[in-house]
Protein backbone atom coordinates (compact mmCIF):
# COMPACT_ATOMS: atom_id res chain seq x y z
CA MET A 1 115.59 118.27 79.47
CA LEU A 2 112.89 120.91 79.53
CA LEU A 3 113.11 120.90 83.32
CA SER A 4 116.04 120.14 85.61
CA PRO A 5 115.81 116.79 87.40
CA ASP A 6 115.14 116.73 91.15
CA GLY A 7 117.57 113.85 91.51
CA GLY A 8 119.55 111.29 89.59
CA THR A 9 121.21 111.93 86.27
CA VAL A 10 120.14 112.48 82.69
CA SER A 11 122.48 111.24 79.94
CA ILE A 12 122.22 111.95 76.24
CA ALA A 13 124.55 110.35 73.72
CA GLY A 14 126.60 109.04 76.64
CA GLU A 15 127.04 112.48 78.18
CA ASN A 16 125.70 113.44 81.62
CA VAL A 17 123.67 116.60 81.00
CA SER A 18 122.00 116.91 84.41
CA GLY A 19 124.03 119.94 85.45
CA ASP A 20 124.23 121.60 82.04
CA LYS A 21 123.08 125.14 81.55
CA ARG A 22 119.74 125.68 79.84
CA LYS A 23 121.43 126.78 76.58
CA ASN A 24 123.47 123.56 76.38
CA ARG A 25 120.42 121.43 77.18
CA THR A 26 118.44 123.20 74.47
CA GLN A 27 121.12 122.52 71.87
CA LEU A 28 121.48 118.86 72.88
CA ARG A 29 117.71 118.43 72.82
CA HIS A 30 117.57 120.03 69.37
CA GLU A 31 120.36 117.81 68.01
CA HIS A 32 119.41 114.48 69.58
CA ILE A 33 115.66 114.41 70.32
CA GLY A 34 112.62 114.74 68.09
CA PHE A 35 109.27 115.41 69.77
CA ILE A 36 105.79 114.39 68.65
CA PHE A 37 103.31 116.08 70.94
CA GLN A 38 99.82 114.93 71.87
CA ASN A 39 98.33 117.94 70.14
CA HIS A 40 100.63 118.39 67.12
CA GLN A 41 101.75 121.86 68.39
CA LEU A 42 101.95 123.34 64.91
CA LEU A 43 102.33 127.10 64.74
CA PRO A 44 99.10 128.50 63.26
CA TYR A 45 100.85 131.23 61.27
CA LEU A 46 103.29 128.87 59.46
CA LYS A 47 102.45 126.82 56.38
CA GLY A 48 103.35 123.12 56.25
CA TRP A 49 106.68 123.72 54.53
CA GLU A 50 107.65 126.37 57.07
CA GLN A 51 106.74 124.10 60.00
CA LEU A 52 109.72 121.95 58.99
CA THR A 53 112.21 124.45 57.62
CA MET A 54 111.75 127.01 60.40
CA PHE A 55 113.17 124.63 62.99
CA GLN A 56 115.52 122.72 60.76
CA ASP A 57 119.06 122.68 62.05
CA ARG A 58 121.25 125.03 60.01
CA LYS A 59 123.71 122.24 59.19
CA ASN A 60 120.85 120.05 57.90
CA ARG A 61 119.06 122.64 55.75
CA GLU A 62 118.45 120.40 52.80
CA ILE A 63 115.41 120.96 50.66
CA VAL A 64 115.69 117.37 49.46
CA ARG A 65 115.24 116.08 53.03
CA VAL A 66 112.09 118.16 53.50
CA GLU A 67 110.75 116.98 50.13
CA ASP A 68 111.49 113.36 51.05
CA LEU A 69 109.62 113.62 54.35
CA PHE A 70 106.59 115.22 52.67
CA ALA A 71 106.54 112.43 50.07
CA GLU A 72 107.12 109.56 52.54
CA LEU A 73 104.32 110.75 54.80
CA GLY A 74 101.92 111.57 51.95
CA ILE A 75 101.50 115.24 52.85
CA GLU A 76 102.74 116.94 49.67
CA LYS A 77 99.51 118.94 49.38
CA CYS A 78 100.12 120.47 52.84
CA ARG A 79 103.24 122.37 51.75
CA LYS A 80 101.38 125.64 51.26
CA GLN A 81 98.56 125.08 53.74
CA TYR A 82 98.17 126.56 57.19
CA PRO A 83 97.25 124.14 59.99
CA SER A 84 93.65 125.43 59.93
CA GLU A 85 93.41 124.09 56.35
CA MET A 86 94.68 120.60 57.24
CA SER A 87 92.91 117.54 58.61
CA GLY A 88 93.87 116.14 62.03
CA GLY A 89 95.84 113.34 60.39
CA GLU A 90 97.72 115.75 58.14
CA LYS A 91 98.65 117.92 61.12
CA GLN A 92 99.94 114.89 62.97
CA ARG A 93 101.98 113.79 59.94
CA ILE A 94 103.51 117.28 59.73
CA ALA A 95 104.39 116.86 63.43
CA ILE A 96 106.02 113.50 62.67
CA ALA A 97 108.04 115.04 59.83
CA ARG A 98 109.09 117.89 62.13
CA ALA A 99 110.28 115.35 64.71
CA PHE A 100 112.50 113.67 62.09
CA ILE A 101 113.75 116.78 60.28
CA ASN A 102 117.03 117.15 62.21
CA ASP A 103 117.78 113.41 62.10
CA PRO A 104 117.60 112.96 65.90
CA ASP A 105 118.76 109.82 67.70
CA LEU A 106 115.59 109.54 69.77
CA ILE A 107 111.92 110.26 69.05
CA LEU A 108 109.65 110.97 72.02
CA ALA A 109 105.94 110.66 71.24
CA ASP A 110 103.39 111.84 73.80
CA GLU A 111 99.94 110.39 73.09
CA PRO A 112 100.33 110.73 69.30
CA THR A 113 96.92 109.11 68.70
CA ALA A 114 94.90 111.08 71.25
CA SER A 115 93.04 113.27 68.77
CA LEU A 116 92.67 110.66 66.03
CA ASP A 117 90.11 107.96 65.26
CA GLY A 118 91.17 104.32 65.49
CA ALA A 119 92.18 103.82 61.86
CA ARG A 120 94.09 107.12 61.63
CA GLY A 121 95.73 106.46 65.02
CA ARG A 122 97.06 103.11 63.86
CA GLN A 123 98.25 104.69 60.62
CA VAL A 124 100.16 107.41 62.50
CA VAL A 125 101.84 104.91 64.86
CA GLU A 126 102.72 102.72 61.89
CA MET A 127 104.32 105.76 60.20
CA ILE A 128 106.35 106.50 63.33
CA ARG A 129 107.42 102.86 63.54
CA LEU A 130 108.44 102.72 59.87
CA GLU A 131 110.39 105.98 60.07
CA VAL A 132 112.18 104.78 63.22
CA LYS A 133 113.10 101.44 61.63
CA LYS A 134 114.09 102.99 58.29
CA ARG A 135 116.30 105.63 59.88
CA LYS A 136 117.63 103.29 62.62
CA LYS A 137 116.44 105.49 65.47
CA ALA A 138 114.93 104.83 68.87
CA ALA A 139 111.45 105.88 69.92
CA VAL A 140 109.58 106.08 73.19
CA MET A 141 105.82 106.48 72.99
CA VAL A 142 103.55 107.23 75.92
CA THR A 143 99.96 106.20 75.25
CA HIS A 144 96.71 105.10 76.78
CA ASP A 145 95.66 103.75 73.37
CA GLU A 146 95.67 99.97 73.76
CA ARG A 147 94.82 99.63 70.04
CA VAL A 148 98.39 100.47 68.98
CA LEU A 149 100.39 98.37 71.43
CA ASP A 150 101.01 95.64 68.85
CA PHE A 151 103.38 98.08 67.08
CA ALA A 152 105.66 98.27 70.12
CA ASP A 153 108.82 96.22 70.56
CA ARG A 154 108.62 96.59 74.34
CA ILE A 155 105.80 97.69 76.60
CA TYR A 156 106.05 99.12 80.08
CA ARG A 157 103.23 100.17 82.37
CA LEU A 158 103.30 102.80 85.05
CA GLU A 159 102.25 101.16 88.32
CA ASP A 160 102.47 102.95 91.65
CA GLY A 161 104.87 105.52 90.16
CA LYS A 162 107.27 102.91 88.74
CA LEU A 163 107.82 101.60 85.22
CA VAL A 164 107.37 97.83 85.07
CA PRO A 165 107.61 95.52 82.05
CA ASP A 166 104.22 94.43 80.76
CA ARG A 167 103.39 90.88 81.80
CA GLU A 168 102.00 89.94 78.38
CA LYS A 169 104.49 91.60 76.02
CA GLY A 170 107.84 93.25 76.39
CA ALA A 171 109.31 91.26 79.26
CA GLU A 172 110.76 88.78 76.78
CA SER A 173 112.44 91.39 74.53
CA HIS A 174 115.45 93.41 75.64
CA ALA A 175 116.77 94.52 72.24
């Protein structure tokens, strides 16, 4: 939804949005999709608290929700810190909180463990998994990190430009 498709259709919440104008796509993306980027994409001039509230949907501006996310993800001390004052794991947890702040239906995670060591990477994916399960959301994670695949309900591999179910895991689950 950042780019227009070359072919086919894109549906969100049961609605074909392929031909929508950019403004409509932006609003739908904001309401229904939370993004966790490979490199957290925090704004360097905003403190942790502002990273969440700046992009919080006006209808969802609840301080309690922001407080809850900070507590659940163990980043309370980052409220008043700029990204340059945070560790890599704290930045990524702020990015996770930002993805959940507007209560989206779908979380898209692009290489969320790329800049983290093995233990921190597993912790971050576990946090994403727990938040998705707790909030009854869906998540799609793209990763090269084989160490976190055991957290996935289904696994697909990209082979010759096509998504195919993994032979070892995922082919048996269609939930």
